[in-house]
Each structure stands twice: as C-alpha cells, then as structure tokens.
Protein backbone atom coordinates (compact mmCIF):
# COMPACT_ATOMS: atom_id res chain seq x y z
CA MET A 1 91.16 57.03 36.10
CA PHE A 2 90.69 54.14 33.86
CA LEU A 3 88.75 56.53 31.18
CA ILE A 4 91.71 58.95 31.35
CA LEU A 5 94.25 56.13 30.82
CA ALA A 6 92.16 54.73 27.92
CA SER A 7 91.94 58.16 26.29
CA PHE A 8 95.53 59.35 26.63
CA ASN A 9 97.37 56.12 27.34
CA SER A 10 99.45 57.73 29.86
CA PHE A 11 99.70 58.32 33.43
CA ALA A 12 100.77 61.70 33.24
CA ALA A 13 97.38 62.64 32.02
CA ILE A 14 95.85 61.84 35.29
CA THR A 15 98.30 64.17 36.98
CA ILE A 16 97.15 67.06 34.66
CA VAL A 17 93.53 66.23 35.37
CA GLN A 18 94.29 66.37 39.07
CA HIS A 19 96.17 69.70 38.94
CA ILE A 20 93.11 71.12 36.94
CA LEU A 21 90.77 69.74 39.84
CA GLY A 22 93.14 71.63 42.15
CA LEU A 23 92.76 74.95 40.62
CA LEU A 24 89.02 74.55 40.43
CA THR A 25 89.17 73.71 44.06
CA GLY A 26 90.72 77.05 44.63
CA GLY A 27 87.92 78.59 42.63
CA LEU A 28 85.32 76.84 44.57
CA LEU A 29 86.85 78.27 47.74
CA LEU A 30 86.57 81.80 46.29
CA ALA A 31 82.81 81.05 45.45
CA CYS A 32 82.34 79.64 49.02
CA TRP A 33 83.66 83.03 50.34
CA HIS A 34 81.31 85.16 48.35
CA GLN A 35 78.50 82.65 49.14
CA ILE A 36 78.90 83.40 53.00
CA LEU A 37 79.19 87.13 52.41
CA ARG A 38 75.52 86.88 50.99
CA PHE A 39 74.30 86.02 54.37
CA LEU A 40 75.53 89.52 55.57
CA GLU A 41 75.00 93.03 54.61
CA VAL A 42 78.45 94.30 54.07
CA GLY A 43 79.17 98.09 53.88
CA ALA A 44 80.35 99.51 50.90
CA SER A 45 83.63 100.38 52.57
CA HIS A 46 84.41 96.85 53.16
CA ARG A 47 83.29 95.50 49.80
CA TYR A 48 86.69 95.96 48.18
CA THR A 49 88.51 94.64 51.50
CA ASN A 50 86.24 91.63 51.07
CA LYS A 51 87.35 91.02 47.58
CA ILE A 52 91.08 91.15 48.35
CA ALA A 53 90.52 88.75 51.36
CA GLY A 54 88.72 86.25 48.96
CA VAL A 55 91.60 86.52 46.45
CA LEU A 56 94.10 85.95 49.46
CA LEU A 57 92.09 82.93 50.38
CA LEU A 58 92.12 81.59 46.81
CA ALA A 59 96.11 82.10 46.78
CA ILE A 60 96.70 80.15 49.83
CA TYR A 61 95.52 76.74 48.72
CA PRO A 62 97.02 76.21 45.14
CA LEU A 63 100.29 77.82 46.30
CA SER A 64 100.72 75.56 49.20
CA SER A 65 103.00 72.54 48.73
CA GLN A 66 100.74 69.77 50.14
CA PRO A 67 97.93 69.93 47.44
CA ILE A 68 100.79 70.09 44.64
CA VAL A 69 102.46 66.82 46.15
CA ALA A 70 99.05 65.08 46.47
CA GLU A 71 98.09 65.93 42.91
CA HIS A 72 101.45 63.76 41.77
CA GLU A 73 99.97 60.92 43.39
CA LEU A 74 97.49 58.24 42.45
CA ARG A 75 95.58 58.44 45.53
CA PRO A 76 92.04 59.78 46.40
CA GLU A 77 93.63 62.62 48.21
CA ALA A 78 94.38 64.17 44.97
CA ILE A 79 90.72 64.81 44.01
CA THR A 80 88.67 64.50 47.42
CA PRO A 81 89.25 68.12 48.26
CA PHE A 82 87.48 69.28 45.05
CA PHE A 83 84.37 67.31 45.89
CA ALA A 84 84.41 68.26 49.76
CA VAL A 85 84.54 72.13 48.80
CA LEU A 86 81.89 71.39 46.14
CA ASP A 87 79.85 69.93 48.67
CA ILE A 88 80.32 73.06 51.08
CA PHE A 89 79.46 75.36 48.25
CA LEU A 90 76.10 73.51 47.38
CA THR A 91 75.11 73.38 50.85
CA LEU A 92 75.60 77.07 51.41
CA LYS A 93 73.64 77.67 47.99
CA PHE A 94 71.07 75.31 49.55
CA PHE A 95 70.73 77.48 52.71
CA GLU A 96 70.41 80.50 50.64
CA GLN A 97 67.77 79.56 48.20
CA ARG A 98 65.60 77.59 50.96
CA TYR A 99 65.80 80.18 53.96
CA LEU A 100 67.02 83.33 52.29
CA ARG A 101 65.07 83.56 49.00
CA GLY A 102 62.42 81.25 49.89
CA LYS A 103 62.58 79.26 46.54
CA GLN A 104 61.92 75.85 47.27
CA TRP A 105 62.26 74.25 44.03
CA HIS A 106 65.60 75.63 43.59
CA SER A 107 66.44 74.41 47.19
CA ALA A 108 65.16 70.90 46.35
CA TRP A 109 67.61 70.56 43.30
CA LEU A 110 70.39 71.81 45.33
CA GLY A 111 69.44 69.31 48.31
CA ALA A 112 69.66 66.34 45.73
CA ALA A 113 72.78 67.58 44.53
CA VAL A 114 74.22 67.64 48.04
CA VAL A 115 73.15 64.12 48.83
CA PHE A 116 74.68 62.93 45.57
CA VAL A 117 77.98 64.70 46.22
CA SER A 118 78.12 63.43 49.93
CA PHE A 119 77.59 59.56 48.69
CA PHE A 120 80.51 60.18 46.20
CA LEU A 121 82.65 61.62 49.10
CA LEU A 122 81.77 58.52 50.93
CA SER A 123 82.73 56.14 48.13
CA LEU A 124 85.87 58.25 47.34
CA LYS A 125 87.40 58.52 50.86
CA PRO A 126 85.90 56.34 53.54
CA SER A 127 87.19 58.54 56.14
CA PHE A 128 84.47 60.96 55.28
CA GLY A 129 81.80 58.79 56.35
CA LEU A 130 80.79 61.07 59.19
CA THR A 131 81.29 64.22 57.21
CA ALA A 132 79.07 62.93 54.54
CA LEU A 133 76.23 62.10 57.31
CA PHE A 134 76.88 65.77 58.76
CA ALA A 135 76.77 67.17 55.12
CA THR A 136 73.16 65.65 54.54
CA LEU A 137 71.77 66.70 57.83
CA PRO A 138 70.46 70.20 56.74
CA VAL A 139 68.63 68.48 53.85
CA LEU A 140 67.26 65.84 56.02
CA LEU A 141 66.00 68.50 58.57
CA SER A 142 64.38 70.42 55.69
CA LEU A 143 62.11 67.21 55.00
CA PHE A 144 60.55 67.66 58.34
CA HIS A 145 60.00 71.43 57.92
CA ARG A 146 56.09 72.23 57.92
CA LYS A 147 56.49 73.98 54.73
CA ALA A 148 58.18 70.95 52.91
CA THR A 149 56.16 69.51 50.24
CA TRP A 150 55.95 65.91 49.42
CA ILE A 151 57.18 66.42 45.92
CA GLU A 152 60.28 67.71 47.64
CA ARG A 153 60.56 64.80 49.91
CA LEU A 154 60.35 62.39 46.99
CA LEU A 155 62.75 64.34 45.00
CA PHE A 156 65.39 64.04 48.09
CA LEU A 157 64.43 60.40 48.43
CA ALA A 158 64.95 59.94 44.89
CA ALA A 159 68.49 61.46 44.81
CA ALA A 160 69.33 59.30 47.70
CA ALA A 161 68.26 56.17 46.24
CA ILE A 162 70.04 57.15 42.71
CA SER A 163 73.26 57.77 44.65
CA ALA A 164 73.06 54.47 46.28
CA LEU A 165 72.17 52.68 43.08
CA LEU A 166 75.26 54.55 41.14
CA LEU A 167 77.91 54.65 43.95
CA VAL A 168 77.31 52.27 46.62
CA LEU A 169 76.00 49.01 45.35
CA PRO A 170 78.41 48.79 42.39
CA GLU A 171 81.16 48.98 44.96
CA HIS A 172 79.58 46.61 47.24
CA TYR A 173 79.21 44.00 44.35
CA LEU A 174 82.81 44.58 43.11
CA ALA A 175 84.16 44.09 46.58
CA LYS A 176 83.05 40.60 46.66
CA SER A 177 85.72 39.62 44.21
CA ASP A 178 88.25 41.99 45.92
CA SER A 179 90.24 40.27 48.83
CA MET A 180 91.56 43.72 50.13
CA ALA A 181 87.93 44.95 50.50
CA THR A 182 87.26 42.36 52.92
CA SER A 183 90.53 42.29 54.68
CA PHE A 184 91.13 45.99 55.16
CA LEU A 185 88.66 47.01 57.86
CA PRO A 186 89.46 44.13 60.27
CA GLU A 187 93.26 44.23 59.68
CA THR A 188 93.24 47.96 60.33
CA LEU A 189 91.48 47.70 63.42
CA PHE A 190 93.63 45.14 64.58
CA TYR A 191 96.83 46.50 63.87
CA VAL A 192 95.93 49.93 64.95
CA HIS A 193 94.79 48.95 68.22
CA ALA A 194 97.56 46.30 68.67
CA ASN A 195 98.75 47.55 72.00
CA LEU A 196 95.21 47.32 73.44
CA ILE A 197 94.65 43.90 71.82
CA ALA A 198 97.96 42.54 73.42
CA ASP A 199 97.15 43.84 76.76
CA GLN A 200 93.72 41.91 76.40
CA MET A 201 95.45 38.87 75.44
CA ASP A 202 97.62 38.98 78.44
CA GLU A 203 94.51 39.30 80.63
CA ASP A 204 93.05 36.34 78.91
CA ILE A 205 95.98 34.11 79.42
CA ALA A 206 96.30 35.30 82.93
CA CYS A 207 92.62 34.25 83.88
CA GLY A 208 92.57 31.22 81.49
CA ASP A 209 90.08 32.36 79.02
CA CYS A 210 91.86 31.65 75.99
CA GLY A 211 89.33 29.92 73.65
CA GLN A 212 89.40 26.29 72.11
CA ARG A 213 92.95 26.50 70.84
CA GLY A 214 94.54 27.02 74.42
CA CYS A 215 96.66 29.54 76.10
CA GLU A 216 99.83 28.30 74.52
CA TRP A 217 98.45 29.07 70.98
CA LEU A 218 97.40 32.53 72.05
CA ASP A 219 100.50 33.30 73.95
CA ARG A 220 102.29 32.71 70.78
CA ILE A 221 100.43 35.17 68.73
CA LYS A 222 100.71 37.75 71.68
CA SER A 223 104.51 37.38 71.66
CA GLU A 224 105.28 37.69 68.19
CA LEU A 225 102.75 40.69 67.89
CA ARG A 226 104.64 42.67 70.81
CA GLU A 227 108.01 41.81 69.22
CA GLU A 228 106.68 43.16 65.75
CA MET A 229 105.35 46.44 67.55
CA ARG A 230 108.83 46.96 69.20
CA ARG A 231 110.59 46.38 65.97
CA SER A 232 108.29 48.60 64.01
CA TRP A 233 108.74 51.49 66.37
CA GLU A 234 112.66 51.11 65.92
CA LEU A 235 112.22 51.34 62.23
CA ASN A 236 109.55 54.00 61.98
CA PRO A 237 108.82 56.34 65.11
CA ASN A 238 106.46 58.54 63.46
CA TYR A 239 103.33 57.35 64.90
CA ARG A 240 104.18 58.83 68.30
CA SER A 241 100.52 58.77 69.62
CA LEU A 242 100.45 54.98 69.25
CA GLY A 243 103.88 53.97 70.07
CA PHE A 244 104.28 51.60 67.09
CA ASP A 245 103.84 51.62 63.11
CA PRO A 246 100.62 50.15 62.40
CA ASP A 247 101.64 50.21 58.61
CA TYR A 248 104.65 48.11 59.37
CA LEU A 249 102.50 45.44 61.00
CA MET A 250 99.97 45.48 58.12
CA TYR A 251 102.12 45.41 55.13
CA THR A 252 105.92 44.90 55.76
CA SER A 253 106.17 42.47 58.70
CA LYS A 254 107.39 39.11 57.39
CA GLU A 255 106.22 37.21 60.60
CA ILE A 256 102.71 38.37 60.56
CA ARG A 257 102.68 37.63 56.85
CA GLN A 258 103.16 33.97 57.96
CA TRP A 259 100.12 33.86 60.43
CA ARG A 260 97.64 32.53 58.01
CA GLU A 261 99.80 29.61 57.63
CA LYS A 262 101.13 29.14 61.14
CA PHE A 263 97.94 29.90 63.19
CA PHE A 264 95.01 29.76 61.19
CA GLN A 265 95.56 26.60 58.73
CA GLY A 266 95.89 28.81 55.75
CA GLU A 267 92.30 30.30 55.80
CA ASP A 268 91.96 34.02 55.79
CA ALA A 269 88.24 33.74 57.10
CA LYS A 270 89.45 32.28 60.41
CA ARG A 271 92.13 35.06 60.89
CA PHE A 272 89.60 37.65 60.00
CA ARG A 273 87.07 36.21 62.47
CA PHE A 274 89.80 36.46 65.15
CA TYR A 275 90.82 39.90 64.37
CA TRP A 276 87.13 40.97 64.71
CA TYR A 277 86.81 39.17 67.85
CA TYR A 278 89.80 40.72 69.75
CA ALA A 279 89.16 44.12 68.33
CA GLU A 280 85.73 44.06 69.72
CA ARG A 281 86.67 42.29 72.82
CA ALA A 282 89.38 44.80 73.65
CA LEU A 283 86.94 47.58 72.80
CA MET A 284 84.22 46.04 75.06
CA LYS A 285 86.47 45.38 78.01
CA HIS A 286 88.29 48.57 78.08
CA PRO A 287 86.24 51.16 76.64
CA ALA A 288 88.10 54.06 78.84
CA ARG A 289 91.39 53.14 76.99
CA ALA A 290 89.91 53.13 73.61
CA LEU A 291 88.30 56.56 74.34
CA ALA A 292 91.52 57.82 75.70
CA LYS A 293 93.04 56.77 72.25
CA VAL A 294 90.40 58.86 70.47
CA TRP A 295 90.99 61.69 72.58
CA ARG A 296 94.89 61.62 72.06
CA GLN A 297 94.25 61.26 68.17
CA MET A 298 91.74 64.45 68.17
CA ARG A 299 94.21 66.41 70.10
CA LEU A 300 96.84 65.80 67.21
CA PHE A 301 94.45 67.90 65.11
CA TYR A 302 93.22 70.44 67.58
CA SER A 303 96.43 71.29 68.86
CA ALA A 304 98.37 74.62 69.37
CA ARG A 305 99.77 74.42 65.79
CA ASN A 306 97.38 72.73 63.47
CA PRO A 307 99.24 69.98 61.33
CA ALA A 308 96.79 70.39 58.36
CA PHE A 309 98.70 73.74 57.50
CA ALA A 310 102.00 72.95 55.37
CA THR A 311 104.72 75.23 57.36
CA GLY A 312 108.01 73.54 55.90
CA ARG A 313 110.36 75.04 53.20
CA GLU A 314 109.89 72.01 50.91
CA ILE A 315 108.60 68.38 50.58
CA ALA A 316 111.26 65.95 49.38
CA LEU A 317 109.73 63.43 46.65
CA THR A 318 112.64 60.78 46.55
CA GLU A 319 111.26 58.68 49.30
CA PRO A 320 107.60 58.76 48.00
CA TYR A 321 109.16 57.55 44.59
CA ARG A 322 111.30 55.13 46.10
CA ARG A 323 108.57 53.49 47.85
CA THR A 324 106.52 53.26 44.74
CA VAL A 325 109.23 51.77 42.73
CA GLU A 326 109.57 49.39 45.81
CA MET A 327 105.80 48.43 45.81
CA LEU A 328 105.90 47.97 41.85
CA GLN A 329 108.28 45.00 42.53
CA ASN A 330 105.62 43.09 44.40
CA PRO A 331 104.82 39.82 42.37
CA ALA A 332 101.06 40.98 42.46
CA PHE A 333 101.74 44.09 40.71
CA ARG A 334 103.83 42.64 38.18
CA SER A 335 101.58 39.99 37.26
CA THR A 336 98.60 42.37 36.87
CA PHE A 337 99.48 46.18 36.76
CA LEU A 338 102.64 45.96 34.73
CA ARG A 339 100.82 44.37 32.08
CA PHE A 340 99.19 47.50 31.09
CA PRO A 341 101.56 49.15 28.28
CA PRO A 342 101.49 52.70 30.25
CA SER A 343 102.60 51.05 33.41
CA LYS A 344 106.12 50.25 32.17
CA LYS A 345 106.61 53.94 31.23
CA TYR A 346 105.20 54.89 34.67
CA GLU A 347 107.59 52.61 36.40
CA ALA A 348 110.64 53.88 34.58
CA ALA A 349 109.60 57.51 35.30
CA CYS A 350 109.39 56.65 39.14
CA ALA A 351 112.68 55.17 39.04
CA SER A 352 114.29 58.12 37.49
CA ALA A 353 112.47 60.67 39.89
CA ALA A 354 113.73 58.54 43.10
CA SER A 355 117.14 59.12 41.86
CA ALA A 356 116.93 62.81 41.07
CA HIS A 357 116.31 64.32 44.42
CA TRP A 358 113.39 66.42 43.34
CA ALA A 359 111.74 68.62 46.16
CA VAL A 360 108.46 70.82 46.00
CA SER A 361 109.16 74.13 47.48
CA GLN A 362 106.91 76.62 49.13
CA LEU A 363 106.92 80.28 48.83
CA GLN A 364 107.91 82.07 51.88
CA ARG A 365 105.00 84.21 52.17
CA ILE A 366 102.67 81.39 51.88
CA ARG A 367 104.75 79.27 54.42
CA ARG A 368 104.33 82.45 56.73
CA CYS A 369 100.71 82.55 56.14
CA ASN A 370 100.29 78.78 57.08
CA GLN A 371 102.19 79.39 60.23
CA VAL A 372 99.87 82.06 61.46
CA LEU A 373 96.89 80.17 60.32
CA ALA A 374 98.22 76.91 62.10
CA ARG A 375 98.47 78.93 65.47
CA ALA A 376 95.21 80.70 65.06
CA TYR A 377 92.90 77.61 64.39
CA LEU A 378 92.66 76.42 68.02
CA PRO A 379 91.88 79.82 69.67
CA VAL A 380 89.45 80.51 66.92
CA PHE A 381 87.66 77.19 67.11
CA CYS A 382 87.32 77.72 70.92
CA ALA A 383 85.77 81.23 70.03
CA VAL A 384 83.15 79.49 67.76
CA LEU A 385 82.21 76.83 70.63
CA LEU A 386 81.95 79.73 73.08
CA ALA A 387 79.64 81.78 70.87
CA SER A 388 77.77 78.72 69.93
CA GLY A 389 76.97 78.23 73.50
CA LEU A 390 75.69 81.68 73.99
CA LEU A 391 73.52 81.36 71.04
CA LEU A 392 72.05 78.06 72.01
CA CYS A 393 70.87 79.82 75.20
CA SER A 394 69.01 82.65 73.52
CA GLN A 395 66.50 82.42 70.68
CA LYS A 396 66.64 86.13 69.97
CA LEU A 397 70.51 85.96 69.46
CA ARG A 398 70.01 83.04 67.00
CA PHE A 399 67.28 85.04 65.29
CA ALA A 400 69.91 88.22 65.27
CA PHE A 401 72.56 86.13 63.66
CA GLY A 402 70.46 84.42 61.10
CA MET A 403 72.37 81.95 58.91
CA LEU A 404 75.72 83.16 59.93
CA TRP A 405 75.82 80.64 62.85
CA PRO A 406 74.90 77.53 61.07
CA ALA A 407 77.24 78.37 58.17
CA THR A 408 80.00 78.66 60.34
CA LEU A 409 79.29 75.49 62.16
CA LEU A 410 78.86 73.55 58.65
CA ILE A 411 82.35 74.41 57.89
CA TYR A 412 83.95 73.47 61.11
CA SER A 413 82.01 70.17 61.16
CA TYR A 414 83.93 69.04 58.04
CA ASN A 415 87.15 68.97 60.29
CA PHE A 416 85.37 67.46 63.08
CA GLY A 417 83.86 64.70 61.22
CA THR A 418 86.88 63.45 59.47
CA CYS A 419 88.89 63.80 62.45
CA LEU A 420 86.54 61.77 64.85
CA GLU A 421 86.03 59.02 62.30
CA THR A 422 89.79 58.83 61.58
CA ALA A 423 90.50 58.82 65.27
CA ILE A 424 88.23 55.78 65.93
CA ILE A 425 89.60 53.74 63.01
CA HIS A 426 93.09 54.66 62.38
CA SER A 427 95.53 57.65 63.46
CA LEU A 428 96.15 61.37 62.59
CA ASP A 429 99.68 60.63 62.81
CA ASN A 430 99.45 59.54 59.20
CA PRO A 431 99.92 62.60 57.33
CA ARG A 432 97.57 61.71 54.45
CA TYR A 433 94.72 62.36 56.91
CA MET A 434 95.74 65.73 57.46
CA THR A 435 96.46 66.57 53.63
CA VAL A 436 93.09 65.67 52.59
CA GLN A 437 91.70 68.20 55.00
CA PHE A 438 93.87 71.16 54.05
CA ALA A 439 91.51 72.29 51.31
CA PHE A 440 88.65 73.32 53.70
CA THR A 441 91.08 74.36 56.92
CA PRO A 442 92.91 77.60 55.66
CA GLY A 443 91.05 80.84 55.69
CA CYS A 444 90.92 84.44 56.84
CA VAL A 445 91.85 84.17 60.55
CA ARG A 446 90.98 87.85 61.24
CA TRP A 447 87.91 88.79 59.40
CA HIS A 448 85.78 91.65 60.74
CA LEU A 449 82.23 90.77 59.79
CA PHE A 450 80.66 94.09 61.46
CA SER A 451 81.67 97.39 60.34
CA ASP A 452 80.08 99.53 62.84
CA GLU A 453 80.41 99.24 66.74
CA PRO A 454 77.05 99.46 68.59
CA GLN A 455 75.88 102.69 70.33
CA THR A 456 73.97 100.77 72.92
CA ASN A 457 73.39 97.33 74.34
CA SER A 458 69.58 97.44 73.55
CA PHE A 459 67.53 98.10 70.59
CA SER A 460 64.41 96.88 68.79
CA GLU A 461 63.61 96.29 65.13
CA THR A 462 60.45 95.55 63.21
CA ALA A 463 60.33 92.58 60.84
CA ASP A 464 57.49 90.95 59.03
CA GLY A 465 55.16 92.92 61.13
CA LYS A 466 56.62 91.84 64.44
CA THR A 467 58.73 94.04 66.84
CA HIS A 468 61.82 92.18 67.94
CA VAL A 469 63.33 93.78 71.19
CA ILE A 470 66.93 92.73 72.81
CA ASP A 471 67.38 94.06 76.18
CA GLU A 472 70.63 95.14 77.48
CA GLY A 473 71.57 91.71 78.94
CA GLN A 474 70.84 89.99 75.68
CA GLY A 475 72.55 92.99 73.75
CA ALA A 476 75.55 92.40 75.62
CA GLU A 477 75.67 88.73 74.76
CA LEU A 478 75.02 89.49 71.07
CA TRP A 479 77.79 91.97 71.34
CA MET A 480 80.14 89.30 72.63
CA CYS A 481 79.08 86.83 70.00
CA ASN A 482 79.67 89.39 67.41
CA HIS A 483 83.32 89.82 68.38
CA LEU A 484 83.81 86.19 68.97
CA LEU A 485 82.35 85.42 65.45
CA ARG A 486 84.52 88.13 63.85
CA PRO A 487 87.66 86.23 63.56
CA ILE A 488 86.28 82.83 63.00
CA LEU A 489 83.84 83.29 59.74
CA PHE A 490 86.47 81.47 57.70
CA VAL A 491 89.49 80.31 59.50
CA ASP A 492 87.86 76.98 58.58
CA LEU A 493 86.49 77.55 54.95
CA LEU A 494 89.10 75.31 53.62
CA THR A 495 88.83 72.79 56.36
CA ASP A 496 87.94 69.32 56.81
CA ARG A 497 87.65 67.97 55.85
CA GLN A 498 83.25 68.87 58.69
CA SER A 499 79.43 68.73 59.52
CA ARG A 500 76.31 70.60 59.11
CA ILE A 501 73.68 71.87 61.47
CA SER A 502 72.18 69.89 64.19
CA SER A 503 69.59 72.29 65.11
CA GLU A 504 66.28 73.04 63.37
CA PRO A 505 66.45 75.10 60.23
CA MET A 506 67.26 78.85 61.05
CA ARG A 507 65.17 81.78 60.00
CA LEU A 508 66.68 84.50 58.11
CA LEU A 509 65.75 88.01 58.27
CA PRO A 510 65.05 89.74 54.83
CA ARG A 511 67.70 92.08 53.42
CA SER A 512 65.37 95.05 54.51
CA HIS A 513 65.97 94.22 58.15
CA ALA A 514 69.63 93.70 57.93
CA LYS A 515 70.06 95.75 61.15
CA LEU A 516 69.20 92.67 63.15
CA LEU A 517 71.45 90.15 61.27
CA LEU A 518 74.30 92.56 61.58
CA PHE A 519 73.80 94.11 64.78
CA ARG A 520 74.68 97.47 63.23
CA SER A 521 73.77 100.73 65.02
CA LYS A 522 74.19 104.27 64.66
CA ARG A 523 77.70 105.79 65.74
CA ARG A 524 77.45 108.08 68.67
C-alpha cells in the first residue's frame, strides 16, 4: 500500500489496484474450475456445459456487491480473497503435477509456492492461521512419501525458511514498536468473552478468591464491565450470538478506557496480564461454556442460509464513510496519518461520500443465484461429509475416486479453518469475517460429474497390470458416493476461506483407466 501511495500520491490508486485484484480473483476461480475438471474424464457432450458453468462461476464473484464494497476499503479483506484463491489453485496444480503426471520437480516448486502464499495469507489476515496450516498439509505429507527425494525436502524447508524470514520475522520485530500489536489479542479475548469472564469474577468473589487486591477491587471491575456490556447491547444489538458488542467495549467505551488509570496504576502491562489471566481462567474453569460459544459461532456460518452470500439489493455506503470520518478525528490519527499530504484529500472525499447517500446495488439475477447458493450450501456440505465417511471405510472406493475427493475436501477446508479460528477468538457476527470468505464459497451447487449411469453395481478394471474389482456392495456405495459428490464439487470452490487433506496422498489412475475414476459403464 505504501509503495502505491508513494508512486501515485493518491488513495484512489489503492482502490484501483484492489479492483484489479478482484477481477483477477474471478479469473483464478475459473482456472480452479478447469483445474478440477482435469481430475475427471468429462465426456464431449459435457465439455460445452462445463465451460458455461465455469463462466457462471466467474460471473458470480465480481458482480456481487460484497467484493465491490470491500475493494473500496483500506482493509485486508480487499486483497485477501485473491491470495486465498491463488493458494487453492497452486495446491490443485501441486496435486496434478505430483499424483497425476508424476513430475516431482514441478510439484516441488509448486509446493514451495504453496508454502510461501500460505505464510503470506497468515501475515495478511491472522484469522487464516488454521487455513494456512491446512493449506500446507498436502505439501508436508508429501515430504514423508517414500518416493520423495532429499532435494525435494530441502526445497520445501527452504521455502518455509524464506517465507518466515521475509514475512514473519519482520512483522515480529516491527510489532515490538507497535502498542496495538501487543494489546490486540489480550483485549480481544477479554472483551469477546466478557460474559464468561464476568461470571467467573462473580464466582471468585463469592468464594473469596480475589487475588492480592481484594474482592472489592475485583467487584468494581466486574460491575463496570457488566454495565458496559448492557449499554453496548442497547446501542448495537448486532452481535446476537454474544448478547453484547465487544467492539464497543474495546474501542468506544469511555469507562473501560479509564481502567488503566483507575485500576492498574497507569500501566498497560498490568492490565494485559489481568486480561490474559481471566481469559485463561474462564476457559479452564468452564471449558463446556467456551465450547458452546464456539459451537454457536460455527452455526452462524453453517446455517440454513449461509451468510457469506450477499442476498440484499444494495449495500449503503453512508455509515461506513461516516465512521471513517469519525475515526479520522481521533487525535492519534491527526498527529500522524493526516500529516501525509494525500490523507487530507482522502478525508475530504470520505466526508463528501458520507453525505452523498451512495449505495452499491446488486443485479437481481446475481442476487437470486446467491440466494440459491446460500440455501444449498449446508445440504451440500452434509453430503460431502456423508460421502467422505463412505470413502474412509473403503480403500477401493478411495482408489476409484482418485483426486476428486481430496480436491473437494481441500476447498471445503478453507471455510472450516477460517470459521473455527474466528469462532475461538472472535465472533462470526462480525460481517467482515463473512465477506473475506465469499471469494471461495459460491460455486455451482448442482454439477453433474458423471455423464453415464452405471449398468451394474459391480465391475472390474485392469490398471498398471493389476485387476481391481468392486463387488455389488461396494459398487452400491460407489454409486451413492457418485451421486453425493455430484452437486458438491464446487459449491465451495469460492469459499473460505478452508483446509487440505489430512489423509495420506491419494494415488490417481492414469487417464487410460478413467473408467475406475469416473465409474462410467456402458448403457443398457
């Protein structure tokens, strides 16, 4: 961002670059679509249909209102989708080169690229920590494969070391001079779990376990915390799963801002130690309640209508611009940020937009597509889990489906990893954590992967000099997996983000033996 500002001396240039990355994200989604199709033998009659489906997939993301609004903001949500989808594409290419084509050197360089992009995602958006871990899992598993060479292993380790040196360590050292870097996590954990912590304080006061400063001191903190929680709910009842607004407690509350002087002798270090202590104490004393909070957060995403899809007619811009102008009035911003010449023009533009009552509208057809996808996500996800259970129980079924199964799990893991980490640390009631996942969540809900219906429930095929037989019972299971996986291949291609494969690398049949992979048989 600073390089763009230095080059063009205008904040508008950042928006233009973010819009370009948004368009490139749509192109990467289309590339991911075609990459997945390479794992399948698609009949000629379906090739044209597949191309149309890919174009529709490409159109949903850039024409939806959420990405457009995000690209007008100076937040990581504007560029994170591009790198998340790039990570998916590189991992799919890694699968192809290593397990389909057997090109170890190509897969080694792709694996190194996956590691670097995953580290970059982590530095760009900390809520992608689990997602970054899942993303590198296929690469890590390949290191333990018996055919992996020491040169490949060294290349992967070098990629991880370079990523850490270029991305993680500089941020670690710069954070030492940034007060918000040290305060953000303890404050977030304390305020997001304020209800659990206040209940824990009540228990400590009741049993007299109040520490060195006494129960009266702790009771004053608890009383002010509960009062500010009640006030935050009256002002902003949007965090319905929590029952209070943690952002109000963290950024707006005047009473809590005085805690450092009132209760901690003006020392932030003491305040942060207190926050860490009670966040850990509440978790250890009441793990069931903490898990219940995570479960409620996960249900917000995995609900009957997935909230990652924008289904409204328009998104008003007046309130975001008004909050921006209000934030720029903060003395901390005026003494630093507003010294930069382009910032004055930026402040004037935000003030003008706040009074213009602008809104980003969404086409009716795109809105309807998002509505359908929002309702289809949960049933399709359940179908994926059911099919995965059947595949785990049979090695022959896993062999028959080849790379289709791990590629599907890879895409769904992006959502799961992002949602789980957010559910643990923060709340999915915050729409920003939904917007950032939209790039890899939509897709084709109803995509028929298999062109022919099976004639029989048993068959055999010879591959690599070996005969593989699937009997009637396993053939019925394969038929069920077939139809369960039909609608799910890319309902989540744009999501999430979520992880990779947690099983051993799958062996893929050569293209000459595509019958086993696709379970295609002659018609009656």
